[in-house]
N, C-alpha and C. Protein backbone atom coordinates (compact mmCIF):
# COMPACT_ATOMS: atom_id res chain seq x y z
N MET A 1 62.27 -183.82 40.90
CA MET A 1 62.51 -182.68 41.36
C MET A 1 63.23 -181.62 40.02
N LYS A 2 63.78 -181.97 39.18
CA LYS A 2 64.15 -180.89 38.34
C LYS A 2 62.84 -180.46 37.18
N GLY A 3 62.49 -181.62 37.10
CA GLY A 3 60.97 -181.18 36.07
C GLY A 3 59.72 -180.15 36.94
N LYS A 4 59.54 -180.33 38.00
CA LYS A 4 58.70 -179.34 38.95
C LYS A 4 59.99 -177.69 38.53
N HIS A 5 60.85 -178.02 39.26
CA HIS A 5 61.00 -176.55 38.86
C HIS A 5 61.46 -176.10 37.57
N ASP A 6 61.41 -177.14 36.74
CA ASP A 6 61.37 -176.36 35.20
C ASP A 6 60.32 -175.76 34.83
N LYS A 7 58.73 -176.57 35.26
CA LYS A 7 57.81 -175.73 35.30
C LYS A 7 57.55 -174.65 35.47
N HIS A 8 57.65 -174.64 36.98
CA HIS A 8 57.44 -173.09 37.22
C HIS A 8 58.15 -172.20 36.63
N ASP A 9 59.39 -172.44 35.97
CA ASP A 9 60.22 -171.56 35.41
C ASP A 9 59.83 -170.80 34.43
N LYS A 10 58.98 -171.83 34.03
CA LYS A 10 58.17 -171.64 32.10
C LYS A 10 57.18 -170.93 32.38
N ASN A 11 56.59 -171.42 33.64
CA ASN A 11 55.25 -170.23 33.86
C ASN A 11 55.74 -168.82 34.21
N ARG A 12 56.69 -168.64 34.47
CA ARG A 12 57.26 -167.17 35.32
C ARG A 12 58.00 -166.75 34.35
N PHE A 13 58.07 -167.25 33.13
CA PHE A 13 59.14 -166.38 31.80
C PHE A 13 58.19 -167.23 30.45
N PRO A 14 56.97 -166.95 29.92
CA PRO A 14 56.46 -167.78 29.45
C PRO A 14 56.91 -167.74 28.27
N PHE A 15 57.72 -166.20 27.81
CA PHE A 15 58.01 -165.85 26.67
C PHE A 15 59.78 -165.98 26.74
N GLY A 16 60.07 -166.03 25.13
CA GLY A 16 61.37 -166.42 25.20
C GLY A 16 62.22 -165.24 25.57
N PRO A 17 63.53 -165.54 26.10
CA PRO A 17 64.50 -164.25 26.82
C PRO A 17 64.97 -162.97 25.87
N ARG A 18 64.76 -162.97 24.61
CA ARG A 18 64.58 -161.82 24.16
C ARG A 18 63.39 -160.98 23.78
N THR A 19 62.42 -161.61 23.95
CA THR A 19 60.94 -161.15 24.28
C THR A 19 60.61 -160.58 25.58
N THR A 20 61.30 -161.30 26.69
CA THR A 20 61.12 -160.65 27.64
C THR A 20 61.81 -159.72 28.01
N GLY A 21 62.98 -159.64 27.54
CA GLY A 21 63.91 -158.52 27.94
C GLY A 21 63.50 -157.36 27.31
N ALA A 22 62.65 -157.12 26.49
CA ALA A 22 62.04 -155.91 25.71
C ALA A 22 60.99 -155.68 26.14
N VAL A 23 60.10 -156.32 26.84
CA VAL A 23 59.06 -156.47 27.50
C VAL A 23 59.93 -154.98 28.91
N LEU A 24 60.25 -155.94 29.92
CA LEU A 24 61.32 -155.47 30.94
C LEU A 24 61.57 -153.73 30.48
N GLY A 25 62.19 -153.80 29.31
CA GLY A 25 62.95 -152.44 29.12
C GLY A 25 61.75 -151.28 28.72
N LEU A 26 60.33 -151.79 27.88
CA LEU A 26 59.98 -150.86 27.70
C LEU A 26 59.00 -150.05 29.09
N ALA A 27 58.92 -151.46 30.11
CA ALA A 27 58.13 -151.22 31.05
C ALA A 27 58.86 -150.15 32.10
N PHE A 28 60.66 -150.09 31.93
CA PHE A 28 61.03 -149.17 32.71
C PHE A 28 61.09 -147.69 31.87
N CYS A 29 60.80 -147.50 30.84
CA CYS A 29 60.83 -146.13 30.20
C CYS A 29 59.76 -145.59 30.25
N GLY A 30 58.98 -146.70 30.66
CA GLY A 30 57.42 -145.92 30.96
C GLY A 30 57.52 -145.12 32.37
N VAL A 31 58.00 -145.83 33.30
CA VAL A 31 58.29 -145.32 34.38
C VAL A 31 58.99 -144.01 34.64
N VAL A 32 60.18 -143.83 33.86
CA VAL A 32 60.91 -142.83 33.86
C VAL A 32 60.30 -141.71 33.30
N ALA A 33 59.30 -142.05 32.17
CA ALA A 33 58.86 -140.80 31.42
C ALA A 33 57.94 -140.14 32.29
N ALA A 34 56.84 -141.11 33.05
CA ALA A 34 56.02 -140.95 34.29
C ALA A 34 56.67 -140.03 35.15
N THR A 35 57.70 -140.79 35.36
CA THR A 35 58.48 -139.82 36.75
C THR A 35 58.99 -138.20 36.13
N ALA A 36 59.67 -138.05 35.02
CA ALA A 36 59.24 -137.02 34.37
C ALA A 36 58.46 -135.88 34.29
N GLN A 37 57.52 -136.55 33.86
CA GLN A 37 55.91 -135.52 33.54
C GLN A 37 55.42 -135.03 35.07
N VAL A 38 56.03 -135.92 35.95
CA VAL A 38 55.20 -135.08 37.24
C VAL A 38 56.45 -134.39 37.81
N THR A 39 57.25 -134.46 37.92
CA THR A 39 58.26 -133.51 38.00
C THR A 39 57.99 -132.24 37.33
N LEU A 40 57.79 -132.23 36.05
CA LEU A 40 57.67 -131.15 35.39
C LEU A 40 56.64 -130.40 35.61
N SER A 41 55.22 -131.37 35.72
CA SER A 41 53.87 -130.78 36.14
C SER A 41 53.74 -129.83 37.09
N SER A 42 54.83 -130.23 38.31
CA SER A 42 54.66 -129.67 39.81
C SER A 42 55.64 -128.31 39.87
N ASP A 43 56.32 -127.84 38.86
CA ASP A 43 57.34 -127.36 38.72
C ASP A 43 56.40 -125.67 38.58
N GLY A 44 56.58 -124.89 39.63
CA GLY A 44 55.57 -123.66 40.08
C GLY A 44 56.25 -122.59 38.97
N ASP A 45 57.38 -122.47 38.47
CA ASP A 45 58.06 -121.24 38.04
C ASP A 45 58.15 -121.74 36.46
N SER A 46 57.89 -122.77 36.09
CA SER A 46 58.08 -123.44 35.30
C SER A 46 57.11 -122.31 33.83
N GLY A 47 55.72 -121.84 34.65
CA GLY A 47 54.57 -121.24 33.83
C GLY A 47 54.06 -122.46 33.33
N ALA A 48 53.65 -123.63 33.83
CA ALA A 48 53.07 -124.85 33.09
C ALA A 48 51.82 -124.56 34.14
N ARG A 49 50.84 -125.26 32.95
CA ARG A 49 49.50 -125.32 33.44
C ARG A 49 49.04 -126.63 34.32
N SER A 50 48.36 -126.29 35.39
CA SER A 50 48.20 -126.84 36.71
C SER A 50 47.62 -128.12 35.93
N GLY A 51 48.47 -128.97 36.17
CA GLY A 51 47.95 -130.64 36.20
C GLY A 51 47.86 -131.14 35.00
N ALA A 52 48.15 -130.11 33.85
CA ALA A 52 48.59 -130.87 32.59
C ALA A 52 50.05 -130.98 32.21
N PRO A 53 50.35 -131.95 31.23
CA PRO A 53 51.79 -132.40 31.17
C PRO A 53 52.45 -131.23 30.31
N VAL A 54 54.07 -131.00 30.83
CA VAL A 54 54.72 -130.25 30.22
C VAL A 54 55.50 -130.71 29.10
N THR A 55 55.28 -129.78 27.90
CA THR A 55 56.50 -130.30 26.71
C THR A 55 57.24 -129.56 27.07
N ALA A 56 58.69 -130.41 26.16
CA ALA A 56 59.72 -129.60 25.96
C ALA A 56 59.92 -128.32 25.10
N ALA A 57 58.57 -127.87 24.53
CA ALA A 57 58.83 -126.77 24.07
C ALA A 57 58.53 -125.75 24.91
N GLU A 58 57.21 -126.17 25.52
CA GLU A 58 56.63 -125.30 26.39
C GLU A 58 57.89 -124.90 27.57
N PHE A 59 58.93 -126.10 28.21
CA PHE A 59 59.69 -125.62 28.89
C PHE A 59 60.76 -125.22 28.59
N LEU A 60 61.21 -124.95 27.34
CA LEU A 60 62.54 -124.64 27.31
C LEU A 60 62.36 -123.12 26.33
N THR A 61 61.20 -122.83 26.06
CA THR A 61 60.96 -121.79 25.20
C THR A 61 60.71 -120.40 26.38
N PRO A 62 61.54 -119.37 26.52
CA PRO A 62 61.35 -118.33 27.72
C PRO A 62 60.06 -117.61 27.30
N GLU A 63 59.46 -117.31 28.02
CA GLU A 63 58.30 -116.23 28.26
C GLU A 63 58.79 -114.65 27.51
N LYS A 64 57.70 -114.61 26.81
CA LYS A 64 58.11 -112.61 26.23
C LYS A 64 57.43 -111.70 27.44
N SER A 65 58.20 -110.74 27.75
CA SER A 65 58.40 -110.14 28.74
C SER A 65 56.97 -109.27 28.14
N ASP A 66 56.16 -108.52 29.20
CA ASP A 66 54.96 -107.94 28.82
C ASP A 66 55.55 -106.60 29.00
N GLY A 67 56.61 -106.70 30.16
CA GLY A 67 57.09 -104.71 30.11
C GLY A 67 57.42 -104.11 28.62
N HIS A 68 57.82 -105.17 27.52
CA HIS A 68 58.30 -104.42 26.39
C HIS A 68 56.78 -104.26 25.68
N ALA A 69 55.99 -104.93 25.75
CA ALA A 69 54.61 -104.56 25.33
C ALA A 69 53.99 -103.16 25.66
N ASP A 70 54.44 -103.16 26.98
CA ASP A 70 53.66 -102.05 27.48
C ASP A 70 54.17 -100.99 27.34
N ALA A 71 56.08 -100.92 27.40
CA ALA A 71 56.55 -99.39 27.33
C ALA A 71 56.54 -99.11 25.53
N SER A 72 56.13 -100.17 24.74
CA SER A 72 55.72 -99.75 23.10
C SER A 72 54.46 -99.38 23.24
N SER A 73 53.32 -99.61 24.15
CA SER A 73 51.93 -99.04 24.39
C SER A 73 52.19 -97.35 24.71
N GLU A 74 53.08 -97.31 25.59
CA GLU A 74 53.38 -95.98 26.53
C GLU A 74 53.80 -95.07 25.50
N LYS A 75 55.23 -95.17 24.75
CA LYS A 75 55.28 -94.43 24.07
C LYS A 75 54.62 -94.06 22.86
N SER A 76 53.64 -95.13 22.04
CA SER A 76 52.99 -94.66 21.27
C SER A 76 51.89 -93.92 21.50
N ASP A 77 51.27 -93.86 22.86
CA ASP A 77 50.32 -93.16 23.78
C ASP A 77 50.87 -91.54 23.83
N ASP A 78 52.55 -91.51 24.25
CA ASP A 78 52.92 -90.39 24.05
C ASP A 78 53.14 -89.58 23.06
N THR A 79 53.88 -90.59 22.26
CA THR A 79 53.64 -89.73 20.34
C THR A 79 52.54 -89.42 20.32
N SER A 80 51.48 -89.75 20.44
CA SER A 80 50.04 -89.65 19.98
C SER A 80 49.43 -88.23 20.86
N ASP A 81 49.68 -87.98 22.20
CA ASP A 81 49.46 -86.89 22.73
C ASP A 81 50.40 -85.86 22.28
N ARG A 82 51.59 -85.63 22.00
CA ARG A 82 52.62 -84.92 21.56
C ARG A 82 52.53 -84.50 20.29
N LYS A 83 51.79 -85.23 19.42
CA LYS A 83 51.36 -84.65 17.55
C LYS A 83 50.13 -84.38 18.11
N ASP A 84 48.76 -84.71 18.95
CA ASP A 84 47.98 -83.89 19.37
C ASP A 84 48.28 -82.41 19.90
N GLY A 85 49.19 -82.01 20.42
CA GLY A 85 49.39 -80.99 21.07
C GLY A 85 50.13 -79.85 20.40
N GLU A 86 50.93 -80.71 19.66
CA GLU A 86 51.49 -79.77 18.43
C GLU A 86 50.46 -79.27 17.18
N ARG A 87 49.48 -80.39 16.77
CA ARG A 87 48.12 -80.07 16.23
C ARG A 87 47.93 -78.62 16.61
N SER A 88 46.61 -78.64 18.01
CA SER A 88 46.50 -77.80 18.70
C SER A 88 47.32 -76.58 18.50
N SER A 89 48.50 -76.43 18.66
CA SER A 89 48.94 -75.50 18.84
C SER A 89 49.52 -74.67 17.78
N ASN A 90 49.47 -76.00 16.60
CA ASN A 90 49.10 -74.97 15.04
C ASN A 90 48.16 -74.25 14.62
N SER A 91 47.26 -75.28 15.39
CA SER A 91 45.87 -74.46 14.85
C SER A 91 45.40 -73.02 15.10
N ALA A 92 45.91 -72.74 16.63
CA ALA A 92 45.81 -71.77 17.38
C ALA A 92 46.97 -70.49 16.73
N LYS A 93 47.88 -71.05 16.03
CA LYS A 93 48.70 -69.86 15.23
C LYS A 93 48.01 -69.59 14.29
N SER A 94 47.35 -70.56 13.86
CA SER A 94 47.21 -69.92 12.53
C SER A 94 45.43 -69.59 12.70
N ALA A 95 44.86 -69.75 13.52
CA ALA A 95 43.73 -68.84 13.62
C ALA A 95 44.18 -67.22 14.21
N ARG A 96 45.47 -66.85 15.12
CA ARG A 96 45.45 -65.83 15.18
C ARG A 96 46.52 -65.43 14.20
N THR A 97 47.10 -65.91 13.09
CA THR A 97 47.34 -64.97 12.16
C THR A 97 46.34 -64.63 10.92
N LYS A 98 45.24 -65.50 11.26
CA LYS A 98 44.02 -65.23 10.36
C LYS A 98 43.18 -63.93 10.98
N VAL A 99 43.23 -63.97 12.08
CA VAL A 99 42.68 -62.79 12.88
C VAL A 99 43.58 -61.43 12.07
N ILE A 100 44.80 -61.24 12.72
CA ILE A 100 46.05 -60.33 12.03
C ILE A 100 45.25 -59.66 9.91
N GLU A 101 45.33 -60.94 9.43
CA GLU A 101 45.13 -61.08 8.18
C GLU A 101 44.01 -60.33 7.72
N ARG A 102 43.00 -60.64 8.57
CA ARG A 102 41.56 -59.73 8.24
C ARG A 102 41.42 -58.17 9.00
N ALA A 103 42.17 -58.19 9.89
CA ALA A 103 42.40 -56.84 10.55
C ALA A 103 42.96 -55.68 9.25
N ARG A 104 44.07 -56.38 8.42
CA ARG A 104 44.83 -55.51 7.40
C ARG A 104 43.88 -56.03 6.49
N SER A 105 42.61 -56.46 5.82
CA SER A 105 42.25 -56.21 4.85
C SER A 105 41.56 -54.99 4.89
N TRP A 106 41.32 -53.95 6.01
CA TRP A 106 40.03 -52.94 5.81
C TRP A 106 41.76 -51.80 5.65
N ASN A 107 43.17 -52.30 5.13
CA ASN A 107 43.93 -51.21 4.64
C ASN A 107 44.39 -50.08 5.85
N PRO A 108 44.81 -50.87 6.76
CA PRO A 108 44.81 -49.90 7.86
C PRO A 108 46.08 -48.58 7.59
N HIS A 109 46.32 -47.60 8.30
CA HIS A 109 46.56 -46.54 7.85
C HIS A 109 47.07 -46.23 6.71
N THR A 110 46.22 -46.48 5.93
CA THR A 110 46.39 -46.02 4.23
C THR A 110 45.24 -45.14 3.56
N SER A 111 45.27 -44.52 2.73
CA SER A 111 44.42 -43.55 1.89
C SER A 111 43.05 -44.85 2.18
N ASP A 112 43.14 -45.83 1.48
CA ASP A 112 41.82 -46.71 1.35
C ASP A 112 41.40 -47.22 2.49
N ARG A 113 41.74 -47.21 3.76
CA ARG A 113 41.02 -47.21 5.29
C ARG A 113 39.58 -47.50 5.32
N VAL A 114 38.94 -47.95 6.03
CA VAL A 114 37.32 -48.13 6.18
C VAL A 114 37.14 -46.50 7.07
N PRO A 115 36.23 -45.71 6.60
CA PRO A 115 36.15 -44.60 7.51
C PRO A 115 35.55 -45.07 8.95
N TYR A 116 35.46 -44.37 9.99
CA TYR A 116 34.65 -44.71 10.91
C TYR A 116 33.69 -44.28 10.91
N SER A 117 32.07 -45.23 11.50
CA SER A 117 31.12 -44.84 11.44
C SER A 117 30.59 -45.91 12.42
N GLN A 118 29.17 -45.20 13.35
CA GLN A 118 28.73 -46.50 14.43
C GLN A 118 27.43 -46.46 13.86
N THR A 119 27.25 -45.98 12.51
CA THR A 119 25.48 -46.29 11.72
C THR A 119 25.66 -47.34 10.58
N ARG A 120 26.93 -46.77 9.91
CA ARG A 120 27.23 -47.74 8.19
C ARG A 120 28.16 -48.69 8.47
N THR A 121 27.86 -49.84 7.78
CA THR A 121 28.58 -50.74 7.15
C THR A 121 29.75 -51.34 6.32
N HIS A 122 30.55 -52.27 6.61
CA HIS A 122 31.39 -52.55 5.54
C HIS A 122 31.60 -53.88 5.10
N GLU A 123 30.76 -54.52 4.33
CA GLU A 123 31.18 -56.23 4.23
C GLU A 123 29.84 -56.46 5.50
N GLY A 124 29.45 -56.45 5.58
CA GLY A 124 28.35 -56.78 6.36
C GLY A 124 28.63 -56.36 8.12
N TYR A 125 29.35 -55.57 8.67
CA TYR A 125 29.98 -55.12 9.96
C TYR A 125 30.09 -53.64 9.86
N ARG A 126 29.34 -53.39 11.01
CA ARG A 126 29.65 -51.79 11.70
C ARG A 126 30.93 -51.40 11.41
N THR A 127 31.21 -50.05 11.32
CA THR A 127 32.34 -49.44 10.89
C THR A 127 33.44 -48.89 12.23
N ASP A 128 32.54 -49.34 13.45
CA ASP A 128 32.85 -48.84 14.62
C ASP A 128 34.28 -49.53 15.14
N CYS A 129 34.40 -49.49 16.58
CA CYS A 129 35.89 -50.38 16.85
C CYS A 129 35.20 -51.75 16.72
N SER A 130 34.10 -52.16 17.67
CA SER A 130 33.57 -53.39 17.62
C SER A 130 33.18 -54.17 16.57
N GLY A 131 32.92 -53.38 15.51
CA GLY A 131 32.29 -53.98 13.94
C GLY A 131 33.67 -54.46 13.84
N PHE A 132 34.67 -53.50 13.87
CA PHE A 132 35.89 -54.09 12.87
C PHE A 132 36.70 -55.41 14.01
N VAL A 133 36.53 -55.44 14.83
CA VAL A 133 37.18 -56.64 15.69
C VAL A 133 35.82 -57.50 15.79
N ALA A 134 34.57 -57.97 15.36
CA ALA A 134 33.88 -58.95 14.76
C ALA A 134 34.74 -59.17 13.78
N MET A 135 34.57 -58.74 12.46
CA MET A 135 35.25 -59.38 11.33
C MET A 135 36.38 -59.74 11.53
N ALA A 136 37.42 -59.16 12.20
CA ALA A 136 38.77 -59.41 12.64
C ALA A 136 38.72 -61.10 13.09
N LEU A 137 37.64 -61.09 14.31
CA LEU A 137 37.65 -62.57 14.44
C LEU A 137 37.03 -63.55 14.09
N GLY A 138 36.23 -63.11 12.85
CA GLY A 138 35.40 -64.02 12.25
C GLY A 138 33.55 -64.31 12.81
N LEU A 139 33.38 -63.56 13.61
CA LEU A 139 32.06 -63.28 14.37
C LEU A 139 31.12 -63.08 13.05
N PRO A 140 29.89 -63.37 13.29
CA PRO A 140 28.80 -63.21 11.99
C PRO A 140 28.26 -61.78 12.54
N GLY A 141 28.00 -60.78 11.40
CA GLY A 141 28.20 -59.16 11.51
C GLY A 141 26.73 -58.77 12.06
N PRO A 142 26.70 -57.97 12.27
CA PRO A 142 27.28 -56.55 12.51
C PRO A 142 28.48 -56.57 13.61
N GLY A 143 28.05 -57.83 14.39
CA GLY A 143 28.60 -57.86 15.69
C GLY A 143 28.88 -57.00 16.67
N PRO A 144 28.88 -57.99 17.82
CA PRO A 144 28.29 -56.78 19.15
C PRO A 144 29.32 -55.93 19.20
N ASN A 145 28.71 -55.06 20.45
CA ASN A 145 29.53 -54.08 20.73
C ASN A 145 30.29 -54.02 21.86
N THR A 146 31.06 -53.33 22.52
CA THR A 146 32.48 -53.07 23.26
C THR A 146 32.05 -54.20 24.33
N VAL A 147 30.89 -53.88 24.88
CA VAL A 147 30.32 -54.15 26.37
C VAL A 147 29.91 -55.77 25.78
N GLY A 148 29.67 -56.13 25.23
CA GLY A 148 29.17 -57.06 24.46
C GLY A 148 30.34 -58.24 24.52
N PHE A 149 31.55 -57.30 23.88
CA PHE A 149 32.54 -58.35 24.06
C PHE A 149 33.15 -58.70 25.54
N THR A 150 33.04 -58.56 26.42
CA THR A 150 33.44 -58.54 27.68
C THR A 150 32.54 -59.70 28.18
N SER A 151 31.71 -60.09 27.60
CA SER A 151 31.10 -61.33 27.68
C SER A 151 31.73 -62.49 27.60
N SER A 152 31.43 -63.42 28.72
CA SER A 152 32.33 -64.83 28.66
C SER A 152 31.77 -65.79 27.65
N ARG A 153 30.83 -65.50 26.80
CA ARG A 153 30.29 -65.86 25.41
C ARG A 153 31.37 -66.00 24.57
N TYR A 154 32.15 -64.51 24.46
CA TYR A 154 33.36 -64.51 23.54
C TYR A 154 34.60 -64.00 24.14
N THR A 155 34.77 -63.78 25.13
CA THR A 155 36.29 -63.89 25.70
C THR A 155 36.31 -63.99 27.29
N GLU A 156 38.11 -63.79 27.50
CA GLU A 156 37.94 -64.29 29.21
C GLU A 156 39.27 -63.53 29.45
N ARG A 157 39.22 -62.80 30.28
CA ARG A 157 40.19 -61.96 31.02
C ARG A 157 41.34 -62.88 31.13
N ILE A 158 42.66 -62.35 31.14
CA ILE A 158 43.79 -62.16 31.01
C ILE A 158 44.72 -61.07 31.64
N SER A 159 45.89 -61.37 31.78
CA SER A 159 46.47 -60.71 32.53
C SER A 159 47.43 -59.50 30.94
N MET A 160 47.96 -58.39 30.87
CA MET A 160 48.33 -57.93 30.18
C MET A 160 49.94 -58.76 29.62
N ASP A 161 50.70 -59.02 30.45
CA ASP A 161 51.69 -60.06 30.33
C ASP A 161 51.35 -61.44 29.44
N GLU A 162 49.77 -61.55 29.51
CA GLU A 162 49.79 -62.64 28.88
C GLU A 162 49.41 -62.88 27.30
N LEU A 163 49.36 -61.43 26.97
CA LEU A 163 48.83 -61.03 25.65
C LEU A 163 49.50 -61.40 24.57
N LYS A 164 48.84 -62.11 23.40
CA LYS A 164 49.72 -62.66 22.13
C LYS A 164 48.69 -62.60 21.37
N LYS A 165 48.97 -62.50 19.91
CA LYS A 165 48.87 -61.88 18.83
C LYS A 165 47.27 -62.35 18.11
N GLY A 166 46.03 -61.15 18.47
CA GLY A 166 45.17 -61.17 18.04
C GLY A 166 43.89 -61.43 19.49
N ASP A 167 44.97 -61.26 20.67
CA ASP A 167 44.09 -60.88 21.76
C ASP A 167 43.41 -59.26 21.80
N LEU A 168 42.68 -58.94 23.14
CA LEU A 168 42.07 -57.67 22.57
C LEU A 168 42.28 -56.94 23.84
N VAL A 169 42.35 -55.70 24.04
CA VAL A 169 42.77 -54.98 24.78
C VAL A 169 41.37 -54.00 24.89
N MET A 170 40.48 -53.92 26.02
CA MET A 170 39.40 -53.27 25.64
C MET A 170 38.92 -52.59 27.09
N ASP A 171 38.67 -51.29 26.60
CA ASP A 171 37.88 -50.20 28.30
C ASP A 171 36.45 -50.35 27.91
N ALA A 172 35.54 -51.11 28.61
CA ALA A 172 34.17 -51.33 28.26
C ALA A 172 33.40 -50.40 29.11
N GLU A 173 33.68 -49.50 30.00
CA GLU A 173 33.22 -48.74 30.60
C GLU A 173 32.85 -47.31 30.03
N GLY A 174 31.87 -46.52 30.76
CA GLY A 174 31.63 -45.55 30.17
C GLY A 174 30.42 -45.37 28.95
N THR A 175 30.35 -44.42 28.23
CA THR A 175 29.43 -44.66 27.19
C THR A 175 29.97 -45.06 25.70
N ASN A 176 29.15 -45.16 24.86
CA ASN A 176 29.26 -45.63 23.24
C ASN A 176 30.65 -44.16 23.04
N THR A 177 30.89 -43.41 23.42
CA THR A 177 31.70 -42.02 22.80
C THR A 177 33.21 -42.49 23.40
N THR A 178 32.99 -43.25 24.78
CA THR A 178 34.36 -43.05 25.19
C THR A 178 34.80 -44.56 25.22
N ARG A 179 33.93 -45.96 25.36
CA ARG A 179 34.14 -47.09 25.02
C ARG A 179 35.30 -47.44 24.09
N HIS A 180 36.16 -48.27 24.23
CA HIS A 180 36.94 -48.73 22.89
C HIS A 180 37.66 -50.17 22.96
N VAL A 181 37.90 -50.89 21.64
CA VAL A 181 38.60 -51.74 21.89
C VAL A 181 39.53 -52.32 21.21
N VAL A 182 41.20 -52.71 20.67
CA VAL A 182 41.70 -52.95 19.97
C VAL A 182 42.28 -53.98 19.51
N ILE A 183 43.14 -54.46 18.61
CA ILE A 183 43.52 -55.79 18.64
C ILE A 183 45.08 -55.82 19.10
N PHE A 184 45.73 -56.71 19.58
CA PHE A 184 47.12 -56.61 20.10
C PHE A 184 47.65 -57.43 18.40
N GLU A 185 48.77 -56.92 18.81
CA GLU A 185 49.71 -57.56 17.10
C GLU A 185 50.64 -58.09 18.01
N LYS A 186 51.76 -57.65 18.57
CA LYS A 186 52.81 -57.78 19.18
C LYS A 186 53.45 -56.62 19.90
N TRP A 187 54.62 -57.05 21.04
CA TRP A 187 55.57 -55.80 21.70
C TRP A 187 56.22 -55.04 20.91
N ALA A 188 56.00 -53.69 21.21
CA ALA A 188 56.80 -52.94 20.03
C ALA A 188 58.36 -52.94 20.88
N ASN A 189 58.68 -53.38 21.89
CA ASN A 189 60.07 -53.50 22.72
C ASN A 189 60.35 -54.15 23.79
N GLY A 190 61.13 -54.34 23.96
CA GLY A 190 61.30 -55.63 24.84
C GLY A 190 60.79 -55.47 26.05
N LYS A 191 60.82 -54.17 26.43
CA LYS A 191 60.63 -53.67 27.67
C LYS A 191 59.01 -53.61 28.21
N HIS A 192 58.33 -53.84 27.03
CA HIS A 192 56.73 -53.97 26.91
C HIS A 192 56.17 -52.96 27.65
N THR A 193 56.57 -51.40 27.24
CA THR A 193 56.05 -50.59 27.36
C THR A 193 55.04 -49.63 26.57
N SER A 194 54.98 -50.52 24.97
CA SER A 194 53.88 -50.13 24.34
C SER A 194 54.10 -51.63 23.49
N TYR A 195 52.56 -51.57 22.42
CA TYR A 195 52.32 -52.42 21.66
C TYR A 195 52.08 -51.63 20.50
N TRP A 196 51.75 -52.98 19.43
CA TRP A 196 51.37 -52.90 17.97
C TRP A 196 50.19 -52.78 18.13
N ALA A 197 49.18 -52.09 17.72
CA ALA A 197 47.73 -52.32 17.80
C ALA A 197 47.04 -52.52 16.31
N PHE A 198 45.77 -53.10 16.22
CA PHE A 198 44.84 -52.22 14.94
C PHE A 198 43.79 -52.13 15.52
N GLU A 199 43.37 -51.24 14.98
CA GLU A 199 42.17 -50.38 15.28
C GLU A 199 41.35 -49.55 14.46
N GLN A 200 40.25 -49.60 15.33
CA GLN A 200 39.25 -48.59 14.43
C GLN A 200 38.91 -47.51 14.93
N ARG A 201 39.16 -46.20 14.76
CA ARG A 201 39.34 -45.24 15.77
C ARG A 201 38.29 -44.06 14.97
N GLY A 202 37.67 -43.25 15.93
CA GLY A 202 36.60 -42.12 15.51
C GLY A 202 37.80 -41.14 14.90
N ARG A 203 36.92 -40.59 13.89
CA ARG A 203 37.42 -39.40 13.01
C ARG A 203 38.63 -39.78 12.51
N TYR A 204 38.80 -41.17 12.24
CA TYR A 204 39.75 -41.34 11.29
C TYR A 204 39.39 -43.08 10.22
N GLY A 205 39.04 -44.06 11.17
CA GLY A 205 39.05 -44.97 10.52
C GLY A 205 40.17 -46.37 10.67
N THR A 206 40.46 -47.29 9.77
CA THR A 206 41.02 -48.17 10.47
C THR A 206 42.62 -47.58 10.46
N ASP A 207 42.96 -47.91 11.81
CA ASP A 207 44.24 -47.98 11.88
C ASP A 207 45.18 -49.02 12.37
N HIS A 208 46.76 -48.54 12.26
CA HIS A 208 47.96 -49.78 12.64
C HIS A 208 48.82 -48.85 13.26
N ARG A 209 48.93 -48.69 14.86
CA ARG A 209 49.92 -48.13 15.44
C ARG A 209 50.36 -48.35 16.44
N THR A 210 51.45 -48.04 17.27
CA THR A 210 51.76 -48.44 18.62
C THR A 210 50.89 -47.84 19.66
N ARG A 211 50.32 -48.37 20.83
CA ARG A 211 49.36 -48.11 21.91
C ARG A 211 50.21 -48.52 23.28
N ASP A 212 49.47 -47.67 24.25
CA ASP A 212 49.92 -48.13 25.44
C ASP A 212 48.61 -48.04 26.35
N TYR A 213 47.47 -48.92 25.69
CA TYR A 213 46.41 -49.00 26.51
C TYR A 213 46.36 -50.00 27.66
N GLY A 214 46.14 -49.72 28.86
CA GLY A 214 46.14 -50.84 30.02
C GLY A 214 47.39 -51.21 30.33
N LEU A 215 48.62 -50.55 30.21
CA LEU A 215 50.07 -50.64 30.64
C LEU A 215 50.32 -49.48 32.17
N SER A 216 49.12 -48.36 32.16
CA SER A 216 49.82 -47.70 32.96
C SER A 216 48.66 -48.11 34.36
N SER A 217 49.12 -47.99 35.56
CA SER A 217 48.27 -48.09 36.96
C SER A 217 47.37 -47.61 36.69
N GLY A 218 46.25 -48.53 37.43
CA GLY A 218 44.63 -48.03 37.01
C GLY A 218 44.44 -47.80 35.73
N SER A 219 45.05 -48.06 34.83
CA SER A 219 43.97 -48.03 33.52
C SER A 219 42.56 -48.78 33.39
N GLU A 220 41.60 -48.50 32.38
CA GLU A 220 40.50 -49.02 32.75
C GLU A 220 40.42 -49.84 31.45
N TYR A 221 41.42 -49.95 30.78
CA TYR A 221 41.61 -50.82 29.79
C TYR A 221 42.38 -52.04 30.12
N LYS A 222 41.50 -53.42 29.93
CA LYS A 222 41.94 -54.92 30.21
C LYS A 222 42.44 -55.47 29.30
N ALA A 223 43.15 -56.79 29.77
CA ALA A 223 43.38 -57.23 28.65
C ALA A 223 42.65 -58.71 28.48
N TYR A 224 42.21 -59.28 27.27
CA TYR A 224 40.80 -60.40 27.27
C TYR A 224 41.36 -61.07 25.63
N ARG A 225 41.30 -62.39 25.79
CA ARG A 225 41.26 -63.49 25.13
C ARG A 225 39.88 -63.90 24.38
N PRO A 226 39.93 -63.50 23.11
CA PRO A 226 38.74 -64.49 22.58
C PRO A 226 38.58 -66.24 22.75
N LYS A 227 37.40 -66.24 23.31
CA LYS A 227 37.06 -67.40 23.08
C LYS A 227 37.28 -68.66 21.92
N ASN A 228 37.56 -67.92 20.67
CA ASN A 228 37.59 -68.62 19.29
C ASN A 228 38.96 -68.60 18.92
N LEU A 229 40.24 -68.42 19.91
CA LEU A 229 41.64 -68.60 19.86
C LEU A 229 42.09 -69.36 20.77
């Protein structure tokens, strides 16, 4: 009987004791690893790919929040918009300043002023009120007349309170002897009862003085903003 049992024992464990122990240990490790892989792969909050094993690096490394990137992008957009607005504002200020500089180039209220005329020209522009305005705005000479300046091609209506340097105050009613246009420079006082203006006026020429055109109730003078400003 002893020999029979010995034969069966040898068939059950064909290797030596050490070899058999090593094989059993490797099998146990394989089961543990497989269990761990299944556990990680099924963790919905881990950010793992569905059905794919999760490595230790993937599991331990926290995901970067997209919020920081979005916030940075929004901040960059805001900065860009602000800079564009500043450039636009500076450009408008520069254009208005150039209008005043050109108006001064006809030497207003001096002995060198350009004489008034509806038929003569100076530097390619008529030397009447509208020709003077066309020159100051940098439009092609000889320039439109006062009625033409009220066209949406050149200007748009604004209120007197909205006047800024380089804007116009016009009376486009009546005839060529009564119509007139001046260039607003700045308010003469805090109460806005008068303002400084450049004009090319009859029987005198280029002038720079305070005016109150358009400030009284029912005045035919209206405020306009040039389209190129």
